[in-house]
Amino acid sequence: MSESAAAAVAASEPSEAAQAFIEYTKEEGERRRNSGEDFDEELFQRAVDLVLRRLRTLNEEGVL
């Protein structure tokens, strides 16, 4: 997860969904880096950041 996304999540109380997603992406990113297959880490990180921003918004709106 990028520092900006981590800071955004940390700035608000992360929802259970956001916490689960953060843990999943840490493990998935590591798995993909070690797989030996092509892995666009920048694209992966941009996707993670996008989801974390959306989860934060949903949490702030009281949806999560």
N, C-alpha and C. Protein backbone atom coordinates (compact mmCIF):
# COMPACT_ATOMS: atom_id res chain seq x y z
N MET A 1 0.85 -1.16 0.00
CA MET A 1 0.00 0.00 0.00
C MET A 1 0.89 1.23 0.00
N SER A 2 0.52 2.23 -0.77
CA SER A 2 1.33 3.45 -0.79
C SER A 2 1.17 4.20 0.52
N GLU A 3 2.14 5.05 0.79
CA GLU A 3 2.10 5.82 2.03
C GLU A 3 0.89 6.74 2.06
N SER A 4 0.52 7.30 0.92
CA SER A 4 -0.63 8.20 0.89
C SER A 4 -1.92 7.47 1.19
N ALA A 5 -2.08 6.27 0.67
CA ALA A 5 -3.29 5.49 0.95
C ALA A 5 -3.31 5.05 2.41
N ALA A 6 -2.17 4.65 2.92
CA ALA A 6 -2.10 4.24 4.32
C ALA A 6 -2.43 5.41 5.23
N ALA A 7 -1.93 6.59 4.89
CA ALA A 7 -2.21 7.78 5.69
C ALA A 7 -3.69 8.13 5.63
N ALA A 8 -4.28 7.99 4.46
CA ALA A 8 -5.71 8.30 4.31
C ALA A 8 -6.55 7.36 5.16
N VAL A 9 -6.20 6.09 5.17
CA VAL A 9 -6.96 5.14 5.98
C VAL A 9 -6.73 5.41 7.45
N ALA A 10 -5.49 5.71 7.82
CA ALA A 10 -5.16 5.97 9.21
C ALA A 10 -5.80 7.25 9.72
N ALA A 11 -6.07 8.20 8.83
CA ALA A 11 -6.65 9.48 9.23
C ALA A 11 -8.07 9.31 9.76
N SER A 12 -8.76 8.32 9.27
CA SER A 12 -10.09 8.02 9.78
C SER A 12 -10.03 6.65 10.43
N GLU A 13 -11.03 6.34 11.20
CA GLU A 13 -11.08 5.03 11.83
C GLU A 13 -11.37 4.00 10.73
N PRO A 14 -10.38 3.15 10.40
CA PRO A 14 -10.61 2.18 9.31
C PRO A 14 -11.71 1.20 9.66
N SER A 15 -12.53 0.93 8.69
CA SER A 15 -13.60 -0.05 8.88
C SER A 15 -12.99 -1.44 8.91
N GLU A 16 -13.78 -2.38 9.35
CA GLU A 16 -13.33 -3.77 9.35
C GLU A 16 -13.01 -4.22 7.92
N ALA A 17 -13.82 -3.76 6.97
CA ALA A 17 -13.59 -4.10 5.56
C ALA A 17 -12.25 -3.54 5.08
N ALA A 18 -11.94 -2.30 5.45
CA ALA A 18 -10.67 -1.69 5.04
C ALA A 18 -9.50 -2.42 5.66
N GLN A 19 -9.61 -2.79 6.93
CA GLN A 19 -8.53 -3.53 7.59
C GLN A 19 -8.30 -4.87 6.91
N ALA A 20 -9.36 -5.56 6.58
CA ALA A 20 -9.25 -6.86 5.90
C ALA A 20 -8.62 -6.68 4.52
N PHE A 21 -9.02 -5.63 3.81
CA PHE A 21 -8.48 -5.38 2.48
C PHE A 21 -6.99 -5.04 2.55
N ILE A 22 -6.59 -4.25 3.52
CA ILE A 22 -5.18 -3.89 3.70
C ILE A 22 -4.35 -5.15 3.92
N GLU A 23 -4.80 -6.02 4.80
CA GLU A 23 -4.07 -7.26 5.06
C GLU A 23 -4.00 -8.13 3.81
N TYR A 24 -5.12 -8.23 3.10
CA TYR A 24 -5.14 -9.03 1.88
C TYR A 24 -4.16 -8.48 0.84
N THR A 25 -4.16 -7.17 0.64
CA THR A 25 -3.30 -6.61 -0.40
C THR A 25 -1.81 -6.72 -0.04
N LYS A 26 -1.49 -6.67 1.24
CA LYS A 26 -0.09 -6.88 1.64
C LYS A 26 0.36 -8.28 1.23
N GLU A 27 -0.47 -9.27 1.56
CA GLU A 27 -0.14 -10.66 1.24
C GLU A 27 -0.17 -10.92 -0.26
N GLU A 28 -1.17 -10.39 -0.93
CA GLU A 28 -1.30 -10.61 -2.38
C GLU A 28 -0.17 -9.92 -3.14
N GLY A 29 0.20 -8.72 -2.74
CA GLY A 29 1.32 -8.03 -3.38
C GLY A 29 2.61 -8.82 -3.23
N GLU A 30 2.86 -9.32 -2.05
CA GLU A 30 4.06 -10.13 -1.81
C GLU A 30 4.03 -11.41 -2.64
N ARG A 31 2.88 -12.06 -2.68
CA ARG A 31 2.75 -13.29 -3.47
C ARG A 31 3.03 -13.03 -4.94
N ARG A 32 2.48 -11.95 -5.47
CA ARG A 32 2.68 -11.63 -6.89
C ARG A 32 4.12 -11.24 -7.19
N ARG A 33 4.75 -10.50 -6.27
CA ARG A 33 6.16 -10.14 -6.47
C ARG A 33 7.05 -11.38 -6.51
N ASN A 34 6.70 -12.38 -5.73
CA ASN A 34 7.52 -13.59 -5.64
C ASN A 34 7.10 -14.70 -6.61
N SER A 35 6.10 -14.45 -7.43
CA SER A 35 5.57 -15.50 -8.30
C SER A 35 6.45 -15.78 -9.51
N GLY A 36 7.33 -14.85 -9.86
CA GLY A 36 8.15 -15.04 -11.06
C GLY A 36 7.43 -14.63 -12.33
N GLU A 37 6.18 -14.28 -12.22
CA GLU A 37 5.40 -13.83 -13.38
C GLU A 37 5.45 -12.31 -13.46
N ASP A 38 5.07 -11.78 -14.63
CA ASP A 38 5.01 -10.33 -14.79
C ASP A 38 4.03 -9.76 -13.78
N PHE A 39 4.43 -8.68 -13.13
CA PHE A 39 3.59 -8.04 -12.13
C PHE A 39 3.79 -6.54 -12.23
N ASP A 40 2.74 -5.84 -12.59
CA ASP A 40 2.78 -4.38 -12.69
C ASP A 40 2.46 -3.82 -11.31
N GLU A 41 3.51 -3.63 -10.52
CA GLU A 41 3.31 -3.20 -9.14
C GLU A 41 2.68 -1.81 -9.06
N GLU A 42 3.03 -0.94 -9.99
CA GLU A 42 2.44 0.40 -9.98
C GLU A 42 0.93 0.33 -10.22
N LEU A 43 0.51 -0.47 -11.17
CA LEU A 43 -0.92 -0.62 -11.44
C LEU A 43 -1.63 -1.25 -10.25
N PHE A 44 -1.02 -2.27 -9.65
CA PHE A 44 -1.59 -2.91 -8.47
C PHE A 44 -1.78 -1.87 -7.36
N GLN A 45 -0.76 -1.05 -7.13
CA GLN A 45 -0.83 -0.06 -6.07
C GLN A 45 -1.89 1.00 -6.35
N ARG A 46 -2.01 1.41 -7.60
CA ARG A 46 -3.05 2.39 -7.95
C ARG A 46 -4.44 1.81 -7.69
N ALA A 47 -4.62 0.53 -8.00
CA ALA A 47 -5.91 -0.12 -7.75
C ALA A 47 -6.19 -0.21 -6.24
N VAL A 48 -5.17 -0.56 -5.46
CA VAL A 48 -5.32 -0.63 -4.01
C VAL A 48 -5.71 0.74 -3.46
N ASP A 49 -5.00 1.78 -3.90
CA ASP A 49 -5.29 3.14 -3.44
C ASP A 49 -6.72 3.55 -3.77
N LEU A 50 -7.17 3.20 -4.96
CA LEU A 50 -8.53 3.53 -5.38
C LEU A 50 -9.56 2.86 -4.46
N VAL A 51 -9.38 1.59 -4.18
CA VAL A 51 -10.32 0.87 -3.31
C VAL A 51 -10.29 1.43 -1.90
N LEU A 52 -9.09 1.73 -1.38
CA LEU A 52 -9.00 2.28 -0.02
C LEU A 52 -9.67 3.64 0.09
N ARG A 53 -9.54 4.47 -0.94
CA ARG A 53 -10.24 5.76 -0.91
C ARG A 53 -11.74 5.55 -0.89
N ARG A 54 -12.22 4.60 -1.67
CA ARG A 54 -13.66 4.32 -1.72
C ARG A 54 -14.16 3.76 -0.39
N LEU A 55 -13.38 2.85 0.20
CA LEU A 55 -13.76 2.31 1.51
C LEU A 55 -13.78 3.40 2.56
N ARG A 56 -12.83 4.31 2.50
CA ARG A 56 -12.80 5.42 3.46
C ARG A 56 -14.05 6.29 3.31
N THR A 57 -14.41 6.59 2.07
CA THR A 57 -15.59 7.40 1.81
C THR A 57 -16.85 6.70 2.35
N LEU A 58 -16.97 5.43 2.06
CA LEU A 58 -18.13 4.68 2.55
C LEU A 58 -18.17 4.63 4.07
N ASN A 59 -17.01 4.51 4.70
CA ASN A 59 -16.94 4.51 6.16
C ASN A 59 -17.36 5.88 6.71
N GLU A 60 -16.89 6.96 6.09
CA GLU A 60 -17.24 8.31 6.55
C GLU A 60 -18.72 8.60 6.37
N GLU A 61 -19.33 7.97 5.37
CA GLU A 61 -20.77 8.16 5.12
C GLU A 61 -21.62 7.25 6.00
N GLY A 62 -20.97 6.40 6.76
CA GLY A 62 -21.71 5.51 7.65
C GLY A 62 -22.25 4.26 6.98
N VAL A 63 -21.81 3.99 5.77
CA VAL A 63 -22.30 2.83 5.04
C VAL A 63 -21.63 1.55 5.57
N LEU A 64 -20.39 1.66 5.97
CA LEU A 64 -19.66 0.48 6.50
C LEU A 64 -19.63 0.51 8.00
